[in-house]
C-alpha atoms as a PDB file:
ATOM      1  CA  MET A   1      58.916  94.931 103.313  1.00  0.00           C
ATOM      2  CA  ASN A   2      61.148  92.793 101.133  1.00  0.00           C
ATOM      3  CA  ILE A   3      64.142  94.817  99.834  1.00  0.00           C
ATOM      4  CA  GLY A   4      65.480  93.382  96.604  1.00  0.00           C
ATOM      5  CA  ILE A   5      68.712  94.252  94.861  1.00  0.00           C
ATOM      6  CA  ALA A   6      69.326  93.777  91.117  1.00  0.00           C
ATOM      7  CA  LEU A   7      73.045  93.668  90.215  1.00  0.00           C
ATOM      8  CA  SER A   8      73.975  94.451  86.639  1.00  0.00           C
ATOM      9  CA  SER A   9      76.420  92.913  84.240  1.00  0.00           C
ATOM     10  CA  GLY A  10      79.735  94.738  83.770  1.00  0.00           C
ATOM     11  CA  SER A  11      82.757  92.404  83.701  1.00  0.00           C
ATOM     12  CA  ALA A  12      85.524  93.827  85.886  1.00  0.00           C
ATOM     13  CA  LYS A  13      83.367  96.870  86.703  1.00  0.00           C
ATOM     14  CA  GLY A  14      81.134  94.437  88.552  1.00  0.00           C
ATOM     15  CA  TRP A  15      83.465  94.380  91.577  1.00  0.00           C
ATOM     16  CA  ALA A  16      81.781  97.678  92.461  1.00  0.00           C
ATOM     17  CA  HIS A  17      78.752  95.582  93.559  1.00  0.00           C
ATOM     18  CA  ILE A  18      80.825  94.448  96.541  1.00  0.00           C
ATOM     19  CA  GLY A  19      81.287  98.026  97.696  1.00  0.00           C
ATOM     20  CA  VAL A  20      77.571  98.782  97.277  1.00  0.00           C
ATOM     21  CA  LEU A  21      76.471  95.759  99.251  1.00  0.00           C
ATOM     22  CA  LYS A  22      78.949  96.344 102.059  1.00  0.00           C
ATOM     23  CA  SER A  23      77.913  99.986 102.365  1.00  0.00           C
ATOM     24  CA  LEU A  24      74.220  99.056 102.499  1.00  0.00           C
ATOM     25  CA  LEU A  25      74.888  96.524 105.211  1.00  0.00           C
ATOM     26  CA  ALA A  26      76.886  99.066 107.215  1.00  0.00           C
ATOM     27  CA  LEU A  27      73.837 101.350 107.070  1.00  0.00           C
ATOM     28  CA  GLY A  28      71.570  98.601 108.335  1.00  0.00           C
ATOM     29  CA  ILE A  29      69.906  98.134 104.957  1.00  0.00           C
ATOM     30  CA  ARG A  30      69.918  94.394 104.192  1.00  0.00           C
ATOM     31  CA  PRO A  31      68.526  93.290 100.848  1.00  0.00           C
ATOM     32  CA  THR A  32      66.763  89.914 101.290  1.00  0.00           C
ATOM     33  CA  VAL A  33      66.087  89.191  97.584  1.00  0.00           C
ATOM     34  CA  VAL A  34      69.017  89.107  95.186  1.00  0.00           C
ATOM     35  CA  ALA A  35      69.023  88.951  91.374  1.00  0.00           C
ATOM     36  CA  GLY A  36      72.239  89.215  89.387  1.00  0.00           C
ATOM     37  CA  CYS A  37      73.475  89.150  85.820  1.00  0.00           C
ATOM     38  CA  SER A  38      76.961  88.158  84.669  1.00  0.00           C
ATOM     39  CA  SER A  39      79.491  89.697  87.135  1.00  0.00           C
ATOM     40  CA  GLY A  40      76.457  90.801  89.147  1.00  0.00           C
ATOM     41  CA  ALA A  41      75.494  87.119  89.444  1.00  0.00           C
ATOM     42  CA  LEU A  42      78.942  86.249  90.791  1.00  0.00           C
ATOM     43  CA  VAL A  43      78.846  88.916  93.493  1.00  0.00           C
ATOM     44  CA  GLY A  44      75.177  88.362  94.221  1.00  0.00           C
ATOM     45  CA  ALA A  45      75.729  84.615  94.711  1.00  0.00           C
ATOM     46  CA  ALA A  46      78.554  85.257  97.186  1.00  0.00           C
ATOM     47  CA  TYR A  47      76.363  87.692  99.122  1.00  0.00           C
ATOM     48  CA  ALA A  48      73.411  85.286  99.216  1.00  0.00           C
ATOM     49  CA  ASN A  49      75.774  82.598 100.521  1.00  0.00           C
ATOM     50  CA  ASN A  50      77.309  84.857 103.190  1.00  0.00           C
ATOM     51  CA  ARG A  51      80.678  84.740 101.394  1.00  0.00           C
ATOM     52  CA  LEU A  52      80.950  88.375 100.310  1.00  0.00           C
ATOM     53  CA  LEU A  53      83.964  89.199 102.465  1.00  0.00           C
ATOM     54  CA  GLN A  54      85.800  86.110 101.267  1.00  0.00           C
ATOM     55  CA  LEU A  55      85.115  87.049  97.633  1.00  0.00           C
ATOM     56  CA  GLU A  56      86.250  90.563  98.354  1.00  0.00           C
ATOM     57  CA  ALA A  57      89.565  89.316  99.752  1.00  0.00           C
ATOM     58  CA  TRP A  58      90.117  87.078  96.721  1.00  0.00           C
ATOM     59  CA  ALA A  59      89.301  89.854  94.277  1.00  0.00           C
ATOM     60  CA  GLU A  60      91.538  92.415  95.963  1.00  0.00           C
ATOM     61  CA  GLY A  61      94.357  89.909  96.082  1.00  0.00           C
ATOM     62  CA  MET A  62      94.206  89.398  92.316  1.00  0.00           C
ATOM     63  CA  SER A  63      97.168  90.766  90.331  1.00  0.00           C
ATOM     64  CA  HIS A  64      97.633  91.192  86.605  1.00  0.00           C
ATOM     65  CA  LEU A  65      99.913  88.141  86.734  1.00  0.00           C
ATOM     66  CA  SER A  66      97.453  85.880  88.620  1.00  0.00           C
ATOM     67  CA  LEU A  67      94.709  86.979  86.266  1.00  0.00           C
ATOM     68  CA  MET A  68      96.778  85.784  83.304  1.00  0.00           C
ATOM     69  CA  SER A  69      97.130  82.357  85.002  1.00  0.00           C
ATOM     70  CA  TYR A  70      93.336  81.872  84.682  1.00  0.00           C
ATOM     71  CA  LEU A  71      93.348  82.387  80.968  1.00  0.00           C
ATOM     72  CA  ASP A  72      92.944  78.862  79.522  1.00  0.00           C
ATOM     73  CA  LEU A  73      92.848  79.274  75.758  1.00  0.00           C
ATOM     74  CA  ASN A  74      90.492  76.870  74.021  1.00  0.00           C
ATOM     75  CA  LEU A  75      89.272  77.981  70.597  1.00  0.00           C
ATOM     76  CA  GLY A  76      87.443  74.684  69.994  1.00  0.00           C
ATOM     77  CA  ARG A  77      84.583  75.477  72.372  1.00  0.00           C
ATOM     78  CA  GLY A  78      83.138  78.530  70.625  1.00  0.00           C
ATOM     79  CA  SER A  79      85.246  81.059  72.601  1.00  0.00           C
ATOM     80  CA  LEU A  80      88.716  82.311  73.280  1.00  0.00           C
ATOM     81  CA  LEU A  81      88.774  80.912  76.829  1.00  0.00           C
ATOM     82  CA  ALA A  82      87.320  77.762  78.342  1.00  0.00           C
ATOM     83  CA  GLY A  83      86.882  79.387  81.742  1.00  0.00           C
ATOM     84  CA  ASP A  84      87.593  76.127  83.636  1.00  0.00           C
ATOM     85  CA  LYS A  85      90.568  77.490  85.575  1.00  0.00           C
ATOM     86  CA  LEU A  86      88.713  80.584  86.710  1.00  0.00           C
ATOM     87  CA  PHE A  87      85.609  78.709  87.924  1.00  0.00           C
ATOM     88  CA  ARG A  88      87.687  76.083  89.651  1.00  0.00           C
ATOM     89  CA  GLU A  89      89.200  78.968  91.622  1.00  0.00           C
ATOM     90  CA  LEU A  90      85.708  80.083  92.573  1.00  0.00           C
ATOM     91  CA  GLU A  91      84.475  76.630  93.644  1.00  0.00           C
ATOM     92  CA  PRO A  92      85.155  77.139  97.380  1.00  0.00           C
ATOM     93  CA  TYR A  93      82.525  79.914  97.457  1.00  0.00           C
ATOM     94  CA  PHE A  94      79.785  77.954  95.601  1.00  0.00           C
ATOM     95  CA  ALA A  95      80.700  74.286  95.239  1.00  0.00           C
ATOM     96  CA  SER A  96      78.090  71.651  95.921  1.00  0.00           C
ATOM     97  CA  LEU A  97      75.422  74.269  96.700  1.00  0.00           C
ATOM     98  CA  CYS A  98      71.991  74.533  95.210  1.00  0.00           C
ATOM     99  CA  ILE A  99      70.307  77.891  94.753  1.00  0.00           C
ATOM    100  CA  GLU A 100      67.237  76.800  96.753  1.00  0.00           C
ATOM    101  CA  ASP A 101      69.503  75.935  99.761  1.00  0.00           C
ATOM    102  CA  LEU A 102      70.926  79.448 100.058  1.00  0.00           C
ATOM    103  CA  PRO A 103      70.080  81.547 103.166  1.00  0.00           C
ATOM    104  CA  MET A 104      68.072  84.026 101.035  1.00  0.00           C
ATOM    105  CA  PRO A 105      66.310  84.052  97.671  1.00  0.00           C
ATOM    106  CA  PHE A 106      68.736  84.348  94.808  1.00  0.00           C
ATOM    107  CA  ALA A 107      68.394  84.061  91.042  1.00  0.00           C
ATOM    108  CA  THR A 108      70.412  84.806  87.961  1.00  0.00           C
ATOM    109  CA  VAL A 109      69.728  85.176  84.243  1.00  0.00           C
ATOM    110  CA  ALA A 110      71.278  83.621  81.186  1.00  0.00           C
ATOM    111  CA  THR A 111      70.483  83.591  77.460  1.00  0.00           C
ATOM    112  CA  ASP A 112      69.538  80.587  75.316  1.00  0.00           C
ATOM    113  CA  LEU A 113      72.050  80.868  72.490  1.00  0.00           C
ATOM    114  CA  TYR A 114      69.824  79.324  69.794  1.00  0.00           C
ATOM    115  CA  ARG A 115      66.356  80.482  70.828  1.00  0.00           C
ATOM    116  CA  GLY A 116      67.303  83.906  72.108  1.00  0.00           C
ATOM    117  CA  GLU A 117      65.174  83.309  75.181  1.00  0.00           C
ATOM    118  CA  GLU A 118      65.756  84.649  78.682  1.00  0.00           C
ATOM    119  CA  VAL A 119      66.509  81.822  81.088  1.00  0.00           C
ATOM    120  CA  TRP A 120      66.040  82.319  84.860  1.00  0.00           C
ATOM    121  CA  PHE A 121      67.955  80.209  87.366  1.00  0.00           C
ATOM    122  CA  ARG A 122      65.993  80.037  90.633  1.00  0.00           C
ATOM    123  CA  LYS A 123      67.022  76.549  91.612  1.00  0.00           C
ATOM    124  CA  GLY A 124      69.734  73.976  90.782  1.00  0.00           C
ATOM    125  CA  ASP A 125      73.511  74.068  90.926  1.00  0.00           C
ATOM    126  CA  LEU A 126      74.717  77.496  92.011  1.00  0.00           C
ATOM    127  CA  LEU A 127      78.125  77.505  90.389  1.00  0.00           C
ATOM    128  CA  ASN A 128      76.688  76.298  87.065  1.00  0.00           C
ATOM    129  CA  ALA A 129      74.041  79.040  87.102  1.00  0.00           C
ATOM    130  CA  VAL A 130      76.679  81.716  87.769  1.00  0.00           C
ATOM    131  CA  ARG A 131      78.935  80.359  85.121  1.00  0.00           C
ATOM    132  CA  ALA A 132      76.128  80.402  82.490  1.00  0.00           C
ATOM    133  CA  SER A 133      75.285  84.018  83.327  1.00  0.00           C
ATOM    134  CA  CYS A 134      78.930  85.032  82.991  1.00  0.00           C
ATOM    135  CA  ALA A 135      79.539  83.271  79.636  1.00  0.00           C
ATOM    136  CA  ILE A 136      80.484  86.335  77.574  1.00  0.00           C
ATOM    137  CA  PRO A 137      79.900  85.418  73.881  1.00  0.00           C
ATOM    138  CA  GLY A 138      83.178  84.724  72.103  1.00  0.00           C
ATOM    139  CA  ILE A 139      85.248  85.113  75.302  1.00  0.00           C
ATOM    140  CA  LEU A 140      83.989  82.446  77.751  1.00  0.00           C
ATOM    141  CA  SER A 141      82.604  79.093  76.685  1.00  0.00           C
ATOM    142  CA  PRO A 142      78.788  78.614  76.557  1.00  0.00           C
ATOM    143  CA  VAL A 143      77.325  76.369  79.223  1.00  0.00           C
ATOM    144  CA  LYS A 144      75.147  73.380  78.461  1.00  0.00           C
ATOM    145  CA  HIS A 145      72.121  73.067  80.724  1.00  0.00           C
ATOM    146  CA  ALA A 146      69.023  70.867  80.201  1.00  0.00           C
ATOM    147  CA  GLN A 147      69.807  70.436  76.479  1.00  0.00           C
ATOM    148  CA  ARG A 148      70.260  74.162  75.984  1.00  0.00           C
ATOM    149  CA  TRP A 149      73.421  76.136  75.303  1.00  0.00           C
ATOM    150  CA  LEU A 150      73.497  79.224  77.451  1.00  0.00           C
ATOM    151  CA  VAL A 151      75.509  82.429  77.289  1.00  0.00           C
ATOM    152  CA  ASP A 152      75.721  85.754  79.153  1.00  0.00           C
ATOM    153  CA  GLY A 153      72.430  86.967  80.530  1.00  0.00           C
ATOM    154  CA  ALA A 154      73.389  90.568  79.730  1.00  0.00           C
ATOM    155  CA  ILE A 155      72.188  89.966  76.183  1.00  0.00           C
ATOM    156  CA  VAL A 156      68.582  89.787  77.251  1.00  0.00           C
ATOM    157  CA  ASN A 157      68.409  91.367  80.784  1.00  0.00           C
ATOM    158  CA  PRO A 158      71.558  93.224  81.849  1.00  0.00           C
ATOM    159  CA  LEU A 159      69.916  94.711  84.939  1.00  0.00           C
ATOM    160  CA  PRO A 160      67.394  92.084  86.176  1.00  0.00           C
ATOM    161  CA  VAL A 161      64.837  94.271  87.961  1.00  0.00           C
ATOM    162  CA  SER A 162      62.002  92.156  86.541  1.00  0.00           C
ATOM    163  CA  LEU A 163      63.531  88.973  87.956  1.00  0.00           C
ATOM    164  CA  CYS A 164      63.941  90.675  91.366  1.00  0.00           C
ATOM    165  CA  ARG A 165      60.218  91.587  91.431  1.00  0.00           C
ATOM    166  CA  ALA A 166      59.187  88.093  90.334  1.00  0.00           C
ATOM    167  CA  MET A 167      60.997  86.796  93.418  1.00  0.00           C
ATOM    168  CA  GLY A 168      58.812  88.909  95.708  1.00  0.00           C
ATOM    169  CA  ALA A 169      60.758  92.119  96.167  1.00  0.00           C
ATOM    170  CA  ASP A 170      58.590  95.096  97.190  1.00  0.00           C
ATOM    171  CA  PHE A 171      61.359  97.689  96.893  1.00  0.00           C
ATOM    172  CA  VAL A 172      64.061  97.157  94.267  1.00  0.00           C
ATOM    173  CA  ILE A 173      67.486  98.781  94.403  1.00  0.00           C
ATOM    174  CA  GLY A 174      69.208  98.587  91.010  1.00  0.00           C
ATOM    175  CA  VAL A 175      72.971  98.729  90.818  1.00  0.00           C
ATOM    176  CA  ASP A 176      74.117  99.635  87.285  1.00  0.00           C
ATOM    177  CA  VAL A 177      77.848  99.698  86.704  1.00  0.00           C
ATOM    178  CA  GLN A 178      77.491 100.439  82.967  1.00  0.00           C
ATOM    179  CA  SER A 179      75.384 103.603  83.012  1.00  0.00           C
ATOM    180  CA  CYS A 180      78.388 105.906  83.326  1.00  0.00           C
ATOM    181  CA  CYS A 181      80.153 104.485  80.314  1.00  0.00           C
ATOM    182  CA  PHE A 182      78.105 105.910  77.434  1.00  0.00           C
ATOM    183  CA  LYS A 183      77.587 109.579  78.106  1.00  0.00           C
ATOM    184  CA  GLN A 184      78.506 110.324  74.537  1.00  0.00           C
ATOM    185  CA  VAL A 185      75.271 108.823  73.260  1.00  0.00           C
ATOM    186  CA  SER A 186      73.609 112.108  74.232  1.00  0.00           C
ATOM    187  CA  VAL A 187      75.278 113.764  71.232  1.00  0.00           C
ATOM    188  CA  PRO A 188      73.098 112.198  68.496  1.00  0.00           C
ATOM    189  CA  ILE A 189      70.079 112.630  70.813  1.00  0.00           C
ATOM    190  CA  GLU A 190      70.781 116.374  70.992  1.00  0.00           C
ATOM    191  CA  ILE A 191      71.059 116.590  67.222  1.00  0.00           C
ATOM    192  CA  GLU A 192      67.798 114.672  66.800  1.00  0.00           C
ATOM    193  CA  SER A 193      66.202 117.096  69.233  1.00  0.00           C
ATOM    194  CA  LEU A 194      67.386 120.038  67.105  1.00  0.00           C
ATOM    195  CA  ARG A 195      65.980 118.389  63.993  1.00  0.00           C
ATOM    196  CA  LYS A 196      62.660 117.811  65.675  1.00  0.00           C
ATOM    197  CA  THR A 197      62.483 121.421  66.790  1.00  0.00           C
ATOM    198  CA  ALA A 198      63.314 122.519  63.242  1.00  0.00           C
ATOM    199  CA  CYS A 199      60.536 120.362  61.775  1.00  0.00           C
ATOM    200  CA  GLU A 200      58.024 121.796  64.251  1.00  0.00           C
ATOM    201  CA  GLN A 201      59.072 125.284  63.226  1.00  0.00           C
ATOM    202  CA  THR A 202      58.545 124.365  59.583  1.00  0.00           C
ATOM    203  CA  GLN A 203      55.099 123.078  60.317  1.00  0.00           C
ATOM    204  CA  ASP A 204      54.323 126.384  62.059  1.00  0.00           C
ATOM    205  CA  ASN A 205      55.386 128.191  58.888  1.00  0.00           C
ATOM    206  CA  LYS A 206      58.535 129.705  60.476  1.00  0.00           C
ATOM    207  CA  GLN A 207      61.009 131.319  58.193  1.00  0.00           C
ATOM    208  CA  LEU A 208      63.372 128.991  56.390  1.00  0.00           C
ATOM    209  CA  GLY A 209      66.344 131.068  57.426  1.00  0.00           C
ATOM    210  CA  MET A 210      65.694 130.430  61.099  1.00  0.00           C
ATOM    211  CA  LEU A 211      65.479 126.640  60.483  1.00  0.00           C
ATOM    212  CA  THR A 212      68.706 126.587  58.488  1.00  0.00           C
ATOM    213  CA  ASP A 213      70.506 128.576  61.169  1.00  0.00           C
ATOM    214  CA  LEU A 214      69.333 126.181  63.886  1.00  0.00           C
ATOM    215  CA  LEU A 215      70.516 123.078  62.018  1.00  0.00           C
ATOM    216  CA  GLU A 216      73.826 124.720  61.221  1.00  0.00           C
ATOM    217  CA  ARG A 217      74.495 125.581  64.855  1.00  0.00           C
ATOM    218  CA  GLY A 218      73.513 122.000  65.767  1.00  0.00           C
ATOM    219  CA  LYS A 219      75.916 120.643  63.162  1.00  0.00           C
ATOM    220  CA  GLU A 220      78.799 122.775  64.554  1.00  0.00           C
ATOM    221  CA  HIS A 221      78.008 121.639  68.075  1.00  0.00           C
ATOM    222  CA  PHE A 222      78.008 117.985  67.020  1.00  0.00           C
ATOM    223  CA  LEU A 223      81.280 118.261  65.100  1.00  0.00           C
ATOM    224  CA  SER A 224      82.962 120.007  67.993  1.00  0.00           C
ATOM    225  CA  LEU A 225      81.882 117.273  70.419  1.00  0.00           C
ATOM    226  CA  THR A 226      82.830 114.353  68.128  1.00  0.00           C
ATOM    227  CA  SER A 227      86.257 115.937  67.494  1.00  0.00           C
ATOM    228  CA  ARG A 228      86.919 116.022  71.236  1.00  0.00           C
ATOM    229  CA  LEU A 229      85.719 112.448  71.631  1.00  0.00           C
ATOM    230  CA  LYS A 230      87.971 111.324  68.798  1.00  0.00           C
ATOM    231  CA  ASN A 231      90.981 112.872  70.463  1.00  0.00           C
ATOM    232  CA  GLN A 232      90.070 111.217  73.751  1.00  0.00           C
ATOM    233  CA  GLN A 233      89.189 107.793  72.381  1.00  0.00           C
ATOM    234  CA  ASP A 234      91.698 106.601  69.859  1.00  0.00           C
ATOM    235  CA  LEU A 235      91.273 102.938  68.959  1.00  0.00           C
ATOM    236  CA  ASP A 236      93.885 101.379  71.206  1.00  0.00           C
ATOM    237  CA  MET A 237      91.937  98.257  72.177  1.00  0.00           C
ATOM    238  CA  GLY A 238      92.524  94.746  70.849  1.00  0.00           C
ATOM    239  CA  MET A 239      90.076  92.192  69.466  1.00  0.00           C
ATOM    240  CA  VAL A 240      88.635  91.298  72.907  1.00  0.00           C
ATOM    241  CA  GLY A 241      88.232  94.973  73.687  1.00  0.00           C
ATOM    242  CA  VAL A 242      86.321  95.662  70.504  1.00  0.00           C
ATOM    243  CA  MET A 243      84.051  92.628  71.088  1.00  0.00           C
ATOM    244  CA  ASN A 244      83.338  93.616  74.647  1.00  0.00           C
ATOM    245  CA  GLN A 245      82.699  97.305  73.806  1.00  0.00           C
ATOM    246  CA  SER A 246      80.263  96.258  71.097  1.00  0.00           C
ATOM    247  CA  LEU A 247      78.377  94.040  73.513  1.00  0.00           C
ATOM    248  CA  GLU A 248      78.293  96.771  76.103  1.00  0.00           C
ATOM    249  CA  ILE A 249      76.658  99.158  73.616  1.00  0.00           C
ATOM    250  CA  LEU A 250      73.990  96.575  72.737  1.00  0.00           C
ATOM    251  CA  GLU A 251      73.390  95.881  76.454  1.00  0.00           C
ATOM    252  CA  TYR A 252      73.160  99.552  77.319  1.00  0.00           C
ATOM    253  CA  ARG A 253      70.542 100.301  74.699  1.00  0.00           C
ATOM    254  CA  HIS A 254      68.520  97.198  75.495  1.00  0.00           C
ATOM    255  CA  LYS A 255      68.639  98.016  79.210  1.00  0.00           C
ATOM    256  CA  ARG A 256      67.373 101.541  78.685  1.00  0.00           C
ATOM    257  CA  THR A 257      64.333 100.162  76.852  1.00  0.00           C
ATOM    258  CA  ARG A 258      63.544  97.611  79.534  1.00  0.00           C
ATOM    259  CA  LEU A 259      63.934 100.020  82.428  1.00  0.00           C
ATOM    260  CA  MET A 260      61.508 102.463  80.817  1.00  0.00           C
ATOM    261  CA  GLY A 261      58.761  99.922  81.490  1.00  0.00           C
ATOM    262  CA  ASP A 262      60.005  98.559  84.792  1.00  0.00           C
ATOM    263  CA  PRO A 263      62.444 100.897  86.601  1.00  0.00           C
ATOM    264  CA  PRO A 264      63.810 100.110  90.118  1.00  0.00           C
ATOM    265  CA  GLU A 265      62.677 102.313  92.995  1.00  0.00           C
ATOM    266  CA  LEU A 266      66.266 103.541  93.252  1.00  0.00           C
ATOM    267  CA  CYS A 267      69.276 103.081  90.974  1.00  0.00           C
ATOM    268  CA  ILE A 268      72.839 103.254  92.215  1.00  0.00           C
ATOM    269  CA  THR A 269      75.450 103.999  89.536  1.00  0.00           C
ATOM    270  CA  PRO A 270      79.115 103.613  90.599  1.00  0.00           C
ATOM    271  CA  GLU A 271      81.604 105.654  88.598  1.00  0.00           C
ATOM    272  CA  VAL A 272      83.761 102.929  87.080  1.00  0.00           C
ATOM    273  CA  SER A 273      84.077 104.096  83.478  1.00  0.00           C
ATOM    274  CA  HIS A 274      87.849 104.202  83.919  1.00  0.00           C
ATOM    275  CA  ILE A 275      88.018 100.428  84.511  1.00  0.00           C
ATOM    276  CA  GLN A 276      88.220  98.360  81.375  1.00  0.00           C
ATOM    277  CA  ALA A 277      86.217  95.162  80.939  1.00  0.00           C
ATOM    278  CA  MET A 278      89.066  92.734  81.671  1.00  0.00           C
ATOM    279  CA  GLU A 279      90.847  94.683  84.427  1.00  0.00           C
ATOM    280  CA  PHE A 280      89.770  92.388  87.162  1.00  0.00           C
ATOM    281  CA  HIS A 281      92.899  93.240  89.116  1.00  0.00           C
ATOM    282  CA  LYS A 282      91.455  96.701  89.820  1.00  0.00           C
ATOM    283  CA  ALA A 283      89.009  95.377  92.377  1.00  0.00           C
ATOM    284  CA  LYS A 284      89.995  97.813  95.107  1.00  0.00           C
ATOM    285  CA  GLU A 285      89.199 100.786  92.836  1.00  0.00           C
ATOM    286  CA  ALA A 286      85.864  99.315  91.782  1.00  0.00           C
ATOM    287  CA  ILE A 287      84.851  98.444  95.334  1.00  0.00           C
ATOM    288  CA  GLU A 288      85.631 101.952  96.519  1.00  0.00           C
ATOM    289  CA  ALA A 289      83.573 103.379  93.645  1.00  0.00           C
ATOM    290  CA  GLY A 290      80.665 101.240  94.806  1.00  0.00           C
ATOM    291  CA  ARG A 291      80.967 102.525  98.361  1.00  0.00           C
ATOM    292  CA  ALA A 292      81.112 106.155  97.138  1.00  0.00           C
ATOM    293  CA  ALA A 293      78.043 105.636  94.948  1.00  0.00           C
ATOM    294  CA  VAL A 294      75.965 104.627  97.939  1.00  0.00           C
ATOM    295  CA  GLN A 295      77.007 107.776  99.819  1.00  0.00           C
ATOM    296  CA  ASP A 296      75.982 109.848  96.807  1.00  0.00           C
ATOM    297  CA  VAL A 297      72.420 108.607  96.896  1.00  0.00           C
ATOM    298  CA  LEU A 298      72.071 108.030 100.634  1.00  0.00           C
ATOM    299  CA  HIS A 299      69.565 110.874 101.121  1.00  0.00           C
ATOM    300  CA  LEU A 300      67.397 109.544  98.319  1.00  0.00           C
ATOM    301  CA  LEU A 301      67.675 105.981  99.596  1.00  0.00           C
ATOM    302  CA  LYS A 302      66.481 106.939 103.080  1.00  0.00           C
ATOM    303  CA  LYS A 303      63.722 109.051 101.653  1.00  0.00           C
ATOM    304  CA  GLU A 304      62.364 106.300  99.378  1.00  0.00           C
ATOM    305  CA  LEU A 305      62.616 103.593 102.131  1.00  0.00           C
ATOM    306  CA  LYS A 306      60.764 105.889 104.530  1.00  0.00           C
ATOM    307  CA  LYS A 307      57.964 106.381 101.988  1.00  0.00           C
ATOM    308  CA  GLU A 308      57.652 102.605 101.463  1.00  0.00           C
ATOM    309  CA  MET A 309      57.556 101.943 105.219  1.00  0.00           C
ATOM    310  CA  GLN A 310      54.784 104.544 105.611  1.00  0.00           C
ATOM    311  CA  LYS A 311      52.819 102.809 102.893  1.00  0.00           C
ATOM    312  CA  ASP A 312      53.169  99.479 104.724  1.00  0.00           C
ATOM    313  CA  GLU A 313      51.989 101.091 107.998  1.00  0.00           C
ATOM    314  CA  HIS A 314      48.968 102.628 106.201  1.00  0.00           C
ATOM    315  CA  LEU A 315      47.984  99.246 104.802  1.00  0.00           C
ATOM    316  CA  ILE A 316      48.152  97.680 108.248  1.00  0.00           C
END
């Protein structure tokens, strides 16, 4: 059985992927097919190249000051940052390597900026592929590849389960570091559910008073929740924060739609909502959250793997 792992986008939250992978390995569960997007591509590439521990040490050694040293402003390349300093720092983990020469199958996803197409990297220069997948629009410079300008793969496939399956994975573990960040979206869904219930009652010729009462209670519930959210979430982020939050919302909604048609066999969701997009110096917290997330689903993971192994034995 080929166990695949799909690592989601998530900026600094993506350090949690390191904790997930290390915990799986400690349990004797070794994914042999790896697909990553954005920060998931960075961690996935290090894992596929047997450099996960080295990347972990570098990430945990990063301070707020060292992070600032990687910020090479360059507004003339379609973004706030060129990204050259950062990826020069990462060269020792990926330099001069081709994807097809890695010890295990690895791929990443990027987005064609002009065509809006999903671009899969399954061969070619590893560092260039990772850089293209990480090119957050407006923040990191687009990457030119084969006459195409490429940006962050999270725009089209933030959790690349489909790519993992295309590479031959029989059992896909999805690691989604964004799922815990938008719990408030359930508020409008609850209101819509109340409206739907009210409409059904109308169709059944229920009394108008009952319908009005139901909507009014729904309205009060919504206003109460949004009031609490407003108190908790004052707008204290800058331009980059607003850009990133907007992208995360788009990615989250797109991801939900895609996963409805092609979900992983198991999804691990580290609790990293407290880590902001650019807080890369909080690697230790994110890695620990990844480790804890594996422990939370360990019983499910063992159960699902056992079922798959039994299927394989039955086929034999």
